Amino acid sequence: MKKLFLVIIIPFISFGQIVTEDCSSIPDPGPCFGCGFIYWFNPTTSQCEESCWGLCDGLVPFWTLEDCQNSCENNSFIKEIKNPKSLIKIMSIFGKEVNHNKGFQIYIYDDGSLEKNYVIK
């Protein structure tokens, strides 16, 4: 009876791991020597990678590759704002409006932004 009880209870015991599902978490294998495969997001390669978790304690960023990819890959952590802008005029570095395509040029846009370019043609 005791063996049956242990077989039923052991799969439901928490082994102390922390599952974060956070893209910035670095996996910690914990103190045990087992090997359960987990996944984490490597910001250097911008991809989810497989790691070995020791099967007790430690830190588990993601259980599955799909969870990691859906949460972290192809997502920008800083959302870019893309506003269309129109070119108003092209000026030389001396402040004179120019129409030629050579040398230093300053592009002035309707949103107040400037681009400085050196054109070689």
PDB file of N, CA and C in Angstrom:
ATOM      1  N   MET A   1       0.819  -1.198   0.000  1.00  0.00           N
ATOM      2  CA  MET A   1       0.000   0.000   0.000  1.00  0.00           C
ATOM      3  C   MET A   1       0.867   1.267   0.000  1.00  0.00           C
ATOM      4  N   LYS A   2       1.981   1.221   0.768  1.00  0.00           N
ATOM      5  CA  LYS A   2       2.861   2.382   0.819  1.00  0.00           C
ATOM      6  C   LYS A   2       3.493   2.646  -0.542  1.00  0.00           C
ATOM      7  N   LYS A   3       3.855   1.580  -1.270  1.00  0.00           N
ATOM      8  CA  LYS A   3       4.455   1.755  -2.590  1.00  0.00           C
ATOM      9  C   LYS A   3       3.468   2.395  -3.556  1.00  0.00           C
ATOM     10  N   LEU A   4       2.222   1.952  -3.507  1.00  0.00           N
ATOM     11  CA  LEU A   4       1.193   2.520  -4.370  1.00  0.00           C
ATOM     12  C   LEU A   4       0.985   4.000  -4.055  1.00  0.00           C
ATOM     13  N   PHE A   5       0.993   4.332  -2.765  1.00  0.00           N
ATOM     14  CA  PHE A   5       0.837   5.716  -2.343  1.00  0.00           C
ATOM     15  C   PHE A   5       1.973   6.585  -2.895  1.00  0.00           C
ATOM     16  N   LEU A   6       3.211   6.113  -2.812  1.00  0.00           N
ATOM     17  CA  LEU A   6       4.356   6.864  -3.317  1.00  0.00           C
ATOM     18  C   LEU A   6       4.308   7.029  -4.827  1.00  0.00           C
ATOM     19  N   VAL A   7       3.888   5.986  -5.535  1.00  0.00           N
ATOM     20  CA  VAL A   7       3.799   6.057  -6.994  1.00  0.00           C
ATOM     21  C   VAL A   7       2.763   7.090  -7.416  1.00  0.00           C
ATOM     22  N   ILE A   8       1.705   7.211  -6.662  1.00  0.00           N
ATOM     23  CA  ILE A   8       0.647   8.169  -7.000  1.00  0.00           C
ATOM     24  C   ILE A   8       1.034   9.588  -6.592  1.00  0.00           C
ATOM     25  N   ILE A   9       1.686   9.762  -5.461  1.00  0.00           N
ATOM     26  CA  ILE A   9       1.985  11.088  -4.928  1.00  0.00           C
ATOM     27  C   ILE A   9       3.224  11.734  -5.550  1.00  0.00           C
ATOM     28  N   ILE A  10       4.274  10.981  -5.829  1.00  0.00           N
ATOM     29  CA  ILE A  10       5.544  11.558  -6.280  1.00  0.00           C
ATOM     30  C   ILE A  10       5.417  12.430  -7.525  1.00  0.00           C
ATOM     31  N   PRO A  11       4.642  12.073  -8.536  1.00  0.00           N
ATOM     32  CA  PRO A  11       4.556  12.972  -9.698  1.00  0.00           C
ATOM     33  C   PRO A  11       3.961  14.340  -9.390  1.00  0.00           C
ATOM     34  N   PHE A  12       3.245  14.459  -8.269  1.00  0.00           N
ATOM     35  CA  PHE A  12       2.585  15.720  -7.936  1.00  0.00           C
ATOM     36  C   PHE A  12       3.364  16.560  -6.931  1.00  0.00           C
ATOM     37  N   ILE A  13       4.499  16.075  -6.479  1.00  0.00           N
ATOM     38  CA  ILE A  13       5.312  16.824  -5.530  1.00  0.00           C
ATOM     39  C   ILE A  13       6.086  17.897  -6.288  1.00  0.00           C
ATOM     40  N   SER A  14       6.095  19.084  -5.756  1.00  0.00           N
ATOM     41  CA  SER A  14       6.879  20.161  -6.369  1.00  0.00           C
ATOM     42  C   SER A  14       8.331  19.998  -5.965  1.00  0.00           C
ATOM     43  N   PHE A  15       9.220  20.067  -6.932  1.00  0.00           N
ATOM     44  CA  PHE A  15      10.636  19.907  -6.647  1.00  0.00           C
ATOM     45  C   PHE A  15      11.323  21.248  -6.424  1.00  0.00           C
ATOM     46  N   GLY A  16      10.592  22.293  -6.205  1.00  0.00           N
ATOM     47  CA  GLY A  16      11.165  23.574  -5.834  1.00  0.00           C
ATOM     48  C   GLY A  16      11.641  24.446  -6.983  1.00  0.00           C
ATOM     49  N   GLN A  17      11.351  24.057  -8.206  1.00  0.00           N
ATOM     50  CA  GLN A  17      11.792  24.883  -9.325  1.00  0.00           C
ATOM     51  C   GLN A  17      10.934  26.134  -9.419  1.00  0.00           C
ATOM     52  N   ILE A  18      11.522  27.170  -9.968  1.00  0.00           N
ATOM     53  CA  ILE A  18      10.804  28.412 -10.213  1.00  0.00           C
ATOM     54  C   ILE A  18      10.659  28.548 -11.721  1.00  0.00           C
ATOM     55  N   VAL A  19       9.421  28.600 -12.199  1.00  0.00           N
ATOM     56  CA  VAL A  19       9.161  28.778 -13.628  1.00  0.00           C
ATOM     57  C   VAL A  19       8.780  30.241 -13.826  1.00  0.00           C
ATOM     58  N   THR A  20       9.581  30.963 -14.602  1.00  0.00           N
ATOM     59  CA  THR A  20       9.360  32.404 -14.719  1.00  0.00           C
ATOM     60  C   THR A  20       8.606  32.813 -15.974  1.00  0.00           C
ATOM     61  N   GLU A  21       8.842  32.123 -17.097  1.00  0.00           N
ATOM     62  CA  GLU A  21       8.313  32.520 -18.403  1.00  0.00           C
ATOM     63  C   GLU A  21       8.629  33.988 -18.675  1.00  0.00           C
ATOM     64  N   ASP A  22       9.881  34.347 -18.388  1.00  0.00           N
ATOM     65  CA  ASP A  22      10.381  35.700 -18.595  1.00  0.00           C
ATOM     66  C   ASP A  22      11.570  35.632 -19.545  1.00  0.00           C
ATOM     67  N   CYS A  23      11.563  36.462 -20.571  1.00  0.00           N
ATOM     68  CA  CYS A  23      12.620  36.417 -21.592  1.00  0.00           C
ATOM     69  C   CYS A  23      13.989  36.809 -21.059  1.00  0.00           C
ATOM     70  N   SER A  24      14.039  37.530 -19.956  1.00  0.00           N
ATOM     71  CA  SER A  24      15.331  37.964 -19.422  1.00  0.00           C
ATOM     72  C   SER A  24      15.911  36.995 -18.396  1.00  0.00           C
ATOM     73  N   SER A  25      15.198  35.912 -18.082  1.00  0.00           N
ATOM     74  CA  SER A  25      15.676  34.952 -17.080  1.00  0.00           C
ATOM     75  C   SER A  25      16.759  34.048 -17.645  1.00  0.00           C
ATOM     76  N   ILE A  26      17.825  33.864 -16.869  1.00  0.00           N
ATOM     77  CA  ILE A  26      18.909  32.953 -17.221  1.00  0.00           C
ATOM     78  C   ILE A  26      18.665  31.660 -16.446  1.00  0.00           C
ATOM     79  N   PRO A  27      18.702  30.490 -17.105  1.00  0.00           N
ATOM     80  CA  PRO A  27      18.397  29.247 -16.403  1.00  0.00           C
ATOM     81  C   PRO A  27      19.433  28.915 -15.332  1.00  0.00           C
ATOM     82  N   ASP A  28      18.944  28.357 -14.220  1.00  0.00           N
ATOM     83  CA  ASP A  28      19.804  27.876 -13.141  1.00  0.00           C
ATOM     84  C   ASP A  28      19.501  26.392 -12.980  1.00  0.00           C
ATOM     85  N   PRO A  29      20.487  25.497 -13.188  1.00  0.00           N
ATOM     86  CA  PRO A  29      20.208  24.065 -13.143  1.00  0.00           C
ATOM     87  C   PRO A  29      19.850  23.545 -11.760  1.00  0.00           C
ATOM     88  N   GLY A  30      20.135  24.289 -10.707  1.00  0.00           N
ATOM     89  CA  GLY A  30      19.847  23.831  -9.358  1.00  0.00           C
ATOM     90  C   GLY A  30      20.921  22.874  -8.853  1.00  0.00           C
ATOM     91  N   PRO A  31      20.751  22.347  -7.613  1.00  0.00           N
ATOM     92  CA  PRO A  31      21.789  21.523  -6.993  1.00  0.00           C
ATOM     93  C   PRO A  31      21.771  20.050  -7.407  1.00  0.00           C
ATOM     94  N   CYS A  32      20.730  19.599  -8.068  1.00  0.00           N
ATOM     95  CA  CYS A  32      20.627  18.174  -8.408  1.00  0.00           C
ATOM     96  C   CYS A  32      21.373  17.860  -9.701  1.00  0.00           C
ATOM     97  N   PHE A  33      21.592  16.578  -9.942  1.00  0.00           N
ATOM     98  CA  PHE A  33      22.410  16.149 -11.073  1.00  0.00           C
ATOM     99  C   PHE A  33      21.612  15.477 -12.183  1.00  0.00           C
ATOM    100  N   GLY A  34      20.307  15.651 -12.195  1.00  0.00           N
ATOM    101  CA  GLY A  34      19.504  15.110 -13.279  1.00  0.00           C
ATOM    102  C   GLY A  34      19.633  16.002 -14.505  1.00  0.00           C
ATOM    103  N   CYS A  35      18.879  15.667 -15.539  1.00  0.00           N
ATOM    104  CA  CYS A  35      18.899  16.512 -16.731  1.00  0.00           C
ATOM    105  C   CYS A  35      17.521  16.495 -17.382  1.00  0.00           C
ATOM    106  N   GLY A  36      16.782  17.550 -17.166  1.00  0.00           N
ATOM    107  CA  GLY A  36      15.514  17.749 -17.845  1.00  0.00           C
ATOM    108  C   GLY A  36      15.681  18.930 -18.781  1.00  0.00           C
ATOM    109  N   PHE A  37      15.269  18.786 -20.003  1.00  0.00           N
ATOM    110  CA  PHE A  37      15.500  19.849 -20.978  1.00  0.00           C
ATOM    111  C   PHE A  37      14.491  20.972 -20.819  1.00  0.00           C
ATOM    112  N   ILE A  38      15.022  22.184 -20.762  1.00  0.00           N
ATOM    113  CA  ILE A  38      14.220  23.400 -20.651  1.00  0.00           C
ATOM    114  C   ILE A  38      14.715  24.370 -21.719  1.00  0.00           C
ATOM    115  N   TYR A  39      14.042  25.502 -21.841  1.00  0.00           N
ATOM    116  CA  TYR A  39      14.383  26.466 -22.885  1.00  0.00           C
ATOM    117  C   TYR A  39      14.490  27.864 -22.294  1.00  0.00           C
ATOM    118  N   TRP A  40      15.379  28.649 -22.861  1.00  0.00           N
ATOM    119  CA  TRP A  40      15.589  30.027 -22.414  1.00  0.00           C
ATOM    120  C   TRP A  40      15.955  30.893 -23.608  1.00  0.00           C
ATOM    121  N   PHE A  41      15.720  32.195 -23.463  1.00  0.00           N
ATOM    122  CA  PHE A  41      15.995  33.137 -24.547  1.00  0.00           C
ATOM    123  C   PHE A  41      17.385  33.725 -24.357  1.00  0.00           C
ATOM    124  N   ASN A  42      18.236  33.555 -25.375  1.00  0.00           N
ATOM    125  CA  ASN A  42      19.592  34.098 -25.350  1.00  0.00           C
ATOM    126  C   ASN A  42      19.574  35.444 -26.070  1.00  0.00           C
ATOM    127  N   PRO A  43      19.736  36.556 -25.348  1.00  0.00           N
ATOM    128  CA  PRO A  43      19.672  37.868 -25.994  1.00  0.00           C
ATOM    129  C   PRO A  43      20.832  38.132 -26.955  1.00  0.00           C
ATOM    130  N   THR A  44      21.939  37.410 -26.797  1.00  0.00           N
ATOM    131  CA  THR A  44      23.080  37.596 -27.690  1.00  0.00           C
ATOM    132  C   THR A  44      22.769  37.093 -29.092  1.00  0.00           C
ATOM    133  N   THR A  45      22.113  35.928 -29.172  1.00  0.00           N
ATOM    134  CA  THR A  45      21.767  35.350 -30.472  1.00  0.00           C
ATOM    135  C   THR A  45      20.343  35.682 -30.896  1.00  0.00           C
ATOM    136  N   SER A  46      19.556  36.250 -29.985  1.00  0.00           N
ATOM    137  CA  SER A  46      18.131  36.552 -30.212  1.00  0.00           C
ATOM    138  C   SER A  46      17.340  35.308 -30.583  1.00  0.00           C
ATOM    139  N   GLN A  47      17.693  34.179 -29.977  1.00  0.00           N
ATOM    140  CA  GLN A  47      16.985  32.923 -30.222  1.00  0.00           C
ATOM    141  C   GLN A  47      16.784  32.164 -28.918  1.00  0.00           C
ATOM    142  N   CYS A  48      15.793  31.287 -28.924  1.00  0.00           N
ATOM    143  CA  CYS A  48      15.571  30.405 -27.787  1.00  0.00           C
ATOM    144  C   CYS A  48      16.529  29.227 -27.891  1.00  0.00           C
ATOM    145  N   GLU A  49      17.108  28.845 -26.754  1.00  0.00           N
ATOM    146  CA  GLU A  49      18.075  27.757 -26.733  1.00  0.00           C
ATOM    147  C   GLU A  49      17.695  26.734 -25.670  1.00  0.00           C
ATOM    148  N   GLU A  50      18.159  25.513 -25.890  1.00  0.00           N
ATOM    149  CA  GLU A  50      17.885  24.414 -24.975  1.00  0.00           C
ATOM    150  C   GLU A  50      18.942  24.392 -23.874  1.00  0.00           C
ATOM    151  N   SER A  51      18.522  24.026 -22.672  1.00  0.00           N
ATOM    152  CA  SER A  51      19.443  23.928 -21.550  1.00  0.00           C
ATOM    153  C   SER A  51      19.049  22.721 -20.709  1.00  0.00           C
ATOM    154  N   CYS A  52      19.952  22.287 -19.866  1.00  0.00           N
ATOM    155  CA  CYS A  52      19.698  21.131 -19.008  1.00  0.00           C
ATOM    156  C   CYS A  52      19.408  21.618 -17.593  1.00  0.00           C
ATOM    157  N   TRP A  53      18.257  21.252 -17.054  1.00  0.00           N
ATOM    158  CA  TRP A  53      17.863  21.603 -15.691  1.00  0.00           C
ATOM    159  C   TRP A  53      18.103  20.389 -14.813  1.00  0.00           C
ATOM    160  N   GLY A  54      18.602  20.571 -13.607  1.00  0.00           N
ATOM    161  CA  GLY A  54      18.985  19.479 -12.717  1.00  0.00           C
ATOM    162  C   GLY A  54      17.841  18.703 -12.088  1.00  0.00           C
ATOM    163  N   LEU A  55      16.594  19.042 -12.357  1.00  0.00           N
ATOM    164  CA  LEU A  55      15.376  18.364 -11.888  1.00  0.00           C
ATOM    165  C   LEU A  55      14.995  18.678 -10.450  1.00  0.00           C
ATOM    166  N   CYS A  56      15.671  19.617  -9.798  1.00  0.00           N
ATOM    167  CA  CYS A  56      15.188  20.109  -8.506  1.00  0.00           C
ATOM    168  C   CYS A  56      15.717  21.521  -8.285  1.00  0.00           C
ATOM    169  N   ASP A  57      14.936  22.317  -7.592  1.00  0.00           N
ATOM    170  CA  ASP A  57      15.252  23.720  -7.338  1.00  0.00           C
ATOM    171  C   ASP A  57      15.619  24.428  -8.648  1.00  0.00           C
ATOM    172  N   GLY A  58      16.427  25.444  -8.593  1.00  0.00           N
ATOM    173  CA  GLY A  58      16.858  26.126  -9.807  1.00  0.00           C
ATOM    174  C   GLY A  58      15.800  27.024 -10.419  1.00  0.00           C
ATOM    175  N   LEU A  59      16.109  27.498 -11.603  1.00  0.00           N
ATOM    176  CA  LEU A  59      15.242  28.428 -12.323  1.00  0.00           C
ATOM    177  C   LEU A  59      14.980  27.908 -13.729  1.00  0.00           C
ATOM    178  N   VAL A  60      13.714  27.787 -14.075  1.00  0.00           N
ATOM    179  CA  VAL A  60      13.298  27.288 -15.388  1.00  0.00           C
ATOM    180  C   VAL A  60      12.585  28.422 -16.121  1.00  0.00           C
ATOM    181  N   PRO A  61      13.241  29.041 -17.120  1.00  0.00           N
ATOM    182  CA  PRO A  61      12.554  30.110 -17.847  1.00  0.00           C
ATOM    183  C   PRO A  61      11.330  29.616 -18.633  1.00  0.00           C
ATOM    184  N   PHE A  62      11.466  28.541 -19.425  1.00  0.00           N
ATOM    185  CA  PHE A  62      10.350  28.011 -20.219  1.00  0.00           C
ATOM    186  C   PHE A  62      10.442  26.493 -20.278  1.00  0.00           C
ATOM    187  N   TRP A  63       9.291  25.823 -20.233  1.00  0.00           N
ATOM    188  CA  TRP A  63       9.259  24.363 -20.343  1.00  0.00           C
ATOM    189  C   TRP A  63       9.357  23.899 -21.786  1.00  0.00           C
ATOM    190  N   THR A  64       8.780  24.660 -22.711  1.00  0.00           N
ATOM    191  CA  THR A  64       8.766  24.210 -24.107  1.00  0.00           C
ATOM    192  C   THR A  64       9.399  25.256 -25.018  1.00  0.00           C
ATOM    193  N   LEU A  65       9.918  24.785 -26.134  1.00  0.00           N
ATOM    194  CA  LEU A  65      10.513  25.670 -27.131  1.00  0.00           C
ATOM    195  C   LEU A  65       9.458  26.616 -27.695  1.00  0.00           C
ATOM    196  N   GLU A  66       8.252  26.109 -27.888  1.00  0.00           N
ATOM    197  CA  GLU A  66       7.174  26.926 -28.448  1.00  0.00           C
ATOM    198  C   GLU A  66       6.829  28.090 -27.528  1.00  0.00           C
ATOM    199  N   ASP A  67       6.771  27.835 -26.209  1.00  0.00           N
ATOM    200  CA  ASP A  67       6.474  28.916 -25.265  1.00  0.00           C
ATOM    201  C   ASP A  67       7.541  30.001 -25.327  1.00  0.00           C
ATOM    202  N   CYS A  68       8.790  29.572 -25.388  1.00  0.00           N
ATOM    203  CA  CYS A  68       9.901  30.527 -25.461  1.00  0.00           C
ATOM    204  C   CYS A  68       9.827  31.339 -26.751  1.00  0.00           C
ATOM    205  N   GLN A  69       9.627  30.663 -27.870  1.00  0.00           N
ATOM    206  CA  GLN A  69       9.579  31.360 -29.158  1.00  0.00           C
ATOM    207  C   GLN A  69       8.402  32.320 -29.231  1.00  0.00           C
ATOM    208  N   ASN A  70       7.247  31.903 -28.740  1.00  0.00           N
ATOM    209  CA  ASN A  70       6.068  32.769 -28.787  1.00  0.00           C
ATOM    210  C   ASN A  70       6.226  33.993 -27.894  1.00  0.00           C
ATOM    211  N   SER A  71       6.949  33.837 -26.790  1.00  0.00           N
ATOM    212  CA  SER A  71       7.107  34.949 -25.855  1.00  0.00           C
ATOM    213  C   SER A  71       8.250  35.886 -26.211  1.00  0.00           C
ATOM    214  N   CYS A  72       9.313  35.343 -26.808  1.00  0.00           N
ATOM    215  CA  CYS A  72      10.541  36.141 -26.926  1.00  0.00           C
ATOM    216  C   CYS A  72      11.031  36.399 -28.340  1.00  0.00           C
ATOM    217  N   GLU A  73      11.024  35.407 -29.209  1.00  0.00           N
ATOM    218  CA  GLU A  73      11.608  35.594 -30.532  1.00  0.00           C
ATOM    219  C   GLU A  73      10.728  36.485 -31.394  1.00  0.00           C
ATOM    220  N   ASN A  74      11.376  37.247 -32.247  1.00  0.00           N
ATOM    221  CA  ASN A  74      10.706  38.155 -33.187  1.00  0.00           C
ATOM    222  C   ASN A  74       9.886  39.226 -32.491  1.00  0.00           C
ATOM    223  N   ASN A  75      10.160  39.446 -31.220  1.00  0.00           N
ATOM    224  CA  ASN A  75       9.491  40.517 -30.496  1.00  0.00           C
ATOM    225  C   ASN A  75      10.521  41.566 -30.142  1.00  0.00           C
ATOM    226  N   SER A  76      10.215  42.784 -30.411  1.00  0.00           N
ATOM    227  CA  SER A  76      11.105  43.869 -30.036  1.00  0.00           C
ATOM    228  C   SER A  76      10.734  44.301 -28.632  1.00  0.00           C
ATOM    229  N   PHE A  77      11.735  44.446 -27.767  1.00  0.00           N
ATOM    230  CA  PHE A  77      11.463  44.871 -26.405  1.00  0.00           C
ATOM    231  C   PHE A  77      11.178  46.369 -26.348  1.00  0.00           C
ATOM    232  N   ILE A  78      11.647  47.090 -27.343  1.00  0.00           N
ATOM    233  CA  ILE A  78      11.339  48.509 -27.452  1.00  0.00           C
ATOM    234  C   ILE A  78      10.505  48.681 -28.712  1.00  0.00           C
ATOM    235  N   LYS A  79       9.294  49.069 -28.534  1.00  0.00           N
ATOM    236  CA  LYS A  79       8.399  49.228 -29.675  1.00  0.00           C
ATOM    237  C   LYS A  79       8.785  50.474 -30.462  1.00  0.00           C
ATOM    238  N   GLU A  80       8.973  50.295 -31.737  1.00  0.00           N
ATOM    239  CA  GLU A  80       9.319  51.416 -32.596  1.00  0.00           C
ATOM    240  C   GLU A  80       8.050  52.111 -33.067  1.00  0.00           C
ATOM    241  N   ILE A  81       8.113  53.407 -33.089  1.00  0.00           N
ATOM    242  CA  ILE A  81       6.996  54.192 -33.605  1.00  0.00           C
ATOM    243  C   ILE A  81       7.355  54.569 -35.030  1.00  0.00           C
ATOM    244  N   LYS A  82       6.541  54.130 -35.956  1.00  0.00           N
ATOM    245  CA  LYS A  82       6.809  54.423 -37.359  1.00  0.00           C
ATOM    246  C   LYS A  82       5.765  55.403 -37.863  1.00  0.00           C
ATOM    247  N   ASN A  83       6.201  56.628 -38.021  1.00  0.00           N
ATOM    248  CA  ASN A  83       5.337  57.660 -38.576  1.00  0.00           C
ATOM    249  C   ASN A  83       5.827  57.986 -39.974  1.00  0.00           C
ATOM    250  N   PRO A  84       4.916  58.077 -40.918  1.00  0.00           N
ATOM    251  CA  PRO A  84       5.354  58.469 -42.258  1.00  0.00           C
ATOM    252  C   PRO A  84       5.819  59.927 -42.237  1.00  0.00           C
ATOM    253  N   LYS A  85       6.886  60.199 -42.961  1.00  0.00           N
ATOM    254  CA  LYS A  85       7.375  61.575 -43.035  1.00  0.00           C
ATOM    255  C   LYS A  85       7.637  61.927 -44.487  1.00  0.00           C
ATOM    256  N   SER A  86       7.467  63.195 -44.782  1.00  0.00           N
ATOM    257  CA  SER A  86       7.656  63.679 -46.150  1.00  0.00           C
ATOM    258  C   SER A  86       8.833  64.640 -46.186  1.00  0.00           C
ATOM    259  N   LEU A  87       9.615  64.533 -47.248  1.00  0.00           N
ATOM    260  CA  LEU A  87      10.759  65.419 -47.444  1.00  0.00           C
ATOM    261  C   LEU A  87      10.263  66.806 -47.841  1.00  0.00           C
ATOM    262  N   ILE A  88      10.692  67.827 -47.107  1.00  0.00           N
ATOM    263  CA  ILE A  88      10.312  69.203 -47.427  1.00  0.00           C
ATOM    264  C   ILE A  88      11.326  69.816 -48.380  1.00  0.00           C
ATOM    265  N   LYS A  89      12.619  69.742 -48.000  1.00  0.00           N
ATOM    266  CA  LYS A  89      13.643  70.300 -48.884  1.00  0.00           C
ATOM    267  C   LYS A  89      15.004  69.703 -48.568  1.00  0.00           C
ATOM    268  N   ILE A  90      15.917  69.888 -49.522  1.00  0.00           N
ATOM    269  CA  ILE A  90      17.297  69.446 -49.381  1.00  0.00           C
ATOM    270  C   ILE A  90      18.170  70.692 -49.364  1.00  0.00           C
ATOM    271  N   MET A  91      19.034  70.783 -48.344  1.00  0.00           N
ATOM    272  CA  MET A  91      19.890  71.960 -48.204  1.00  0.00           C
ATOM    273  C   MET A  91      21.353  71.544 -48.147  1.00  0.00           C
ATOM    274  N   SER A  92      22.230  72.474 -48.529  1.00  0.00           N
ATOM    275  CA  SER A  92      23.667  72.246 -48.370  1.00  0.00           C
ATOM    276  C   SER A  92      24.029  72.535 -46.915  1.00  0.00           C
ATOM    277  N   ILE A  93      25.272  72.237 -46.556  1.00  0.00           N
ATOM    278  CA  ILE A  93      25.689  72.506 -45.180  1.00  0.00           C
ATOM    279  C   ILE A  93      25.812  74.003 -44.900  1.00  0.00           C
ATOM    280  N   PHE A  94      25.736  74.820 -45.944  1.00  0.00           N
ATOM    281  CA  PHE A  94      25.804  76.272 -45.788  1.00  0.00           C
ATOM    282  C   PHE A  94      24.419  76.909 -45.692  1.00  0.00           C
ATOM    283  N   GLY A  95      23.358  76.096 -45.728  1.00  0.00           N
ATOM    284  CA  GLY A  95      22.006  76.609 -45.596  1.00  0.00           C
ATOM    285  C   GLY A  95      21.326  76.971 -46.894  1.00  0.00           C
ATOM    286  N   LYS A  96      21.963  76.698 -48.020  1.00  0.00           N
ATOM    287  CA  LYS A  96      21.395  77.014 -49.323  1.00  0.00           C
ATOM    288  C   LYS A  96      20.619  75.805 -49.835  1.00  0.00           C
ATOM    289  N   GLU A  97      19.420  76.069 -50.372  1.00  0.00           N
ATOM    290  CA  GLU A  97      18.624  74.979 -50.944  1.00  0.00           C
ATOM    291  C   GLU A  97      19.292  74.490 -52.224  1.00  0.00           C
ATOM    292  N   VAL A  98      19.441  73.174 -52.351  1.00  0.00           N
ATOM    293  CA  VAL A  98      20.145  72.602 -53.505  1.00  0.00           C
ATOM    294  C   VAL A  98      19.268  71.584 -54.218  1.00  0.00           C
ATOM    295  N   ASN A  99      19.574  71.371 -55.490  1.00  0.00           N
ATOM    296  CA  ASN A  99      18.858  70.375 -56.280  1.00  0.00           C
ATOM    297  C   ASN A  99      19.800  69.329 -56.857  1.00  0.00           C
ATOM    298  N   HIS A 100      21.095  69.459 -56.620  1.00  0.00           N
ATOM    299  CA  HIS A 100      22.046  68.502 -57.194  1.00  0.00           C
ATOM    300  C   HIS A 100      22.189  67.279 -56.278  1.00  0.00           C
ATOM    301  N   ASN A 101      22.836  66.264 -56.793  1.00  0.00           N
ATOM    302  CA  ASN A 101      22.919  65.004 -56.068  1.00  0.00           C
ATOM    303  C   ASN A 101      24.338  64.660 -55.631  1.00  0.00           C
ATOM    304  N   LYS A 102      25.175  65.647 -55.344  1.00  0.00           N
ATOM    305  CA  LYS A 102      26.547  65.376 -54.915  1.00  0.00           C
ATOM    306  C   LYS A 102      26.883  66.146 -53.647  1.00  0.00           C
ATOM    307  N   GLY A 103      27.791  65.587 -52.852  1.00  0.00           N
ATOM    308  CA  GLY A 103      28.313  66.278 -51.681  1.00  0.00           C
ATOM    309  C   GLY A 103      27.460  66.115 -50.433  1.00  0.00           C
ATOM    310  N   PHE A 104      27.744  66.982 -49.452  1.00  0.00           N
ATOM    311  CA  PHE A 104      27.004  66.956 -48.191  1.00  0.00           C
ATOM    312  C   PHE A 104      25.622  67.560 -48.395  1.00  0.00           C
ATOM    313  N   GLN A 105      24.625  66.880 -47.857  1.00  0.00           N
ATOM    314  CA  GLN A 105      23.254  67.366 -47.976  1.00  0.00           C
ATOM    315  C   GLN A 105      22.532  67.174 -46.654  1.00  0.00           C
ATOM    316  N   ILE A 106      21.621  68.083 -46.377  1.00  0.00           N
ATOM    317  CA  ILE A 106      20.774  67.976 -45.195  1.00  0.00           C
ATOM    318  C   ILE A 106      19.344  67.844 -45.685  1.00  0.00           C
ATOM    319  N   TYR A 107      18.704  66.738 -45.337  1.00  0.00           N
ATOM    320  CA  TYR A 107      17.313  66.492 -45.711  1.00  0.00           C
ATOM    321  C   TYR A 107      16.442  66.962 -44.550  1.00  0.00           C
ATOM    322  N   ILE A 108      15.473  67.813 -44.835  1.00  0.00           N
ATOM    323  CA  ILE A 108      14.561  68.332 -43.820  1.00  0.00           C
ATOM    324  C   ILE A 108      13.178  67.745 -44.079  1.00  0.00           C
ATOM    325  N   TYR A 109      12.596  67.146 -43.038  1.00  0.00           N
ATOM    326  CA  TYR A 109      11.299  66.476 -43.156  1.00  0.00           C
ATOM    327  C   TYR A 109      10.214  67.247 -42.424  1.00  0.00           C
ATOM    328  N   ASP A 110       8.965  66.938 -42.769  1.00  0.00           N
ATOM    329  CA  ASP A 110       7.823  67.647 -42.200  1.00  0.00           C
ATOM    330  C   ASP A 110       7.584  67.348 -40.721  1.00  0.00           C
ATOM    331  N   ASP A 111       8.177  66.296 -40.187  1.00  0.00           N
ATOM    332  CA  ASP A 111       7.996  65.999 -38.764  1.00  0.00           C
ATOM    333  C   ASP A 111       9.061  66.675 -37.898  1.00  0.00           C
ATOM    334  N   GLY A 112       9.925  67.503 -38.526  1.00  0.00           N
ATOM    335  CA  GLY A 112      10.957  68.226 -37.793  1.00  0.00           C
ATOM    336  C   GLY A 112      12.294  67.511 -37.728  1.00  0.00           C
ATOM    337  N   SER A 113      12.376  66.326 -38.298  1.00  0.00           N
ATOM    338  CA  SER A 113      13.633  65.582 -38.254  1.00  0.00           C
ATOM    339  C   SER A 113      14.551  65.990 -39.401  1.00  0.00           C
ATOM    340  N   LEU A 114      15.841  65.742 -39.202  1.00  0.00           N
ATOM    341  CA  LEU A 114      16.873  66.044 -40.192  1.00  0.00           C
ATOM    342  C   LEU A 114      17.702  64.796 -40.442  1.00  0.00           C
ATOM    343  N   GLU A 115      18.192  64.672 -41.658  1.00  0.00           N
ATOM    344  CA  GLU A 115      19.155  63.627 -41.987  1.00  0.00           C
ATOM    345  C   GLU A 115      20.320  64.296 -42.682  1.00  0.00           C
ATOM    346  N   LYS A 116      21.519  63.950 -42.242  1.00  0.00           N
ATOM    347  CA  LYS A 116      22.725  64.483 -42.880  1.00  0.00           C
ATOM    348  C   LYS A 116      23.328  63.372 -43.718  1.00  0.00           C
ATOM    349  N   ASN A 117      23.560  63.648 -44.982  1.00  0.00           N
ATOM    350  CA  ASN A 117      24.065  62.633 -45.909  1.00  0.00           C
ATOM    351  C   ASN A 117      25.223  63.180 -46.713  1.00  0.00           C
ATOM    352  N   TYR A 118      26.069  62.269 -47.147  1.00  0.00           N
ATOM    353  CA  TYR A 118      27.106  62.605 -48.118  1.00  0.00           C
ATOM    354  C   TYR A 118      26.838  61.736 -49.330  1.00  0.00           C
ATOM    355  N   VAL A 119      26.530  62.359 -50.442  1.00  0.00           N
ATOM    356  CA  VAL A 119      26.127  61.644 -51.646  1.00  0.00           C
ATOM    357  C   VAL A 119      27.283  61.637 -52.636  1.00  0.00           C
ATOM    358  N   ILE A 120      27.606  60.438 -53.138  1.00  0.00           N
ATOM    359  CA  ILE A 120      28.636  60.279 -54.169  1.00  0.00           C
ATOM    360  C   ILE A 120      27.956  59.690 -55.394  1.00  0.00           C
ATOM    361  N   LYS A 121      28.000  60.406 -56.489  1.00  0.00           N
ATOM    362  CA  LYS A 121      27.420  59.876 -57.731  1.00  0.00           C
ATOM    363  C   LYS A 121      28.280  60.236 -58.886  1.00  0.00           C
TER     364      LYS A 121
END
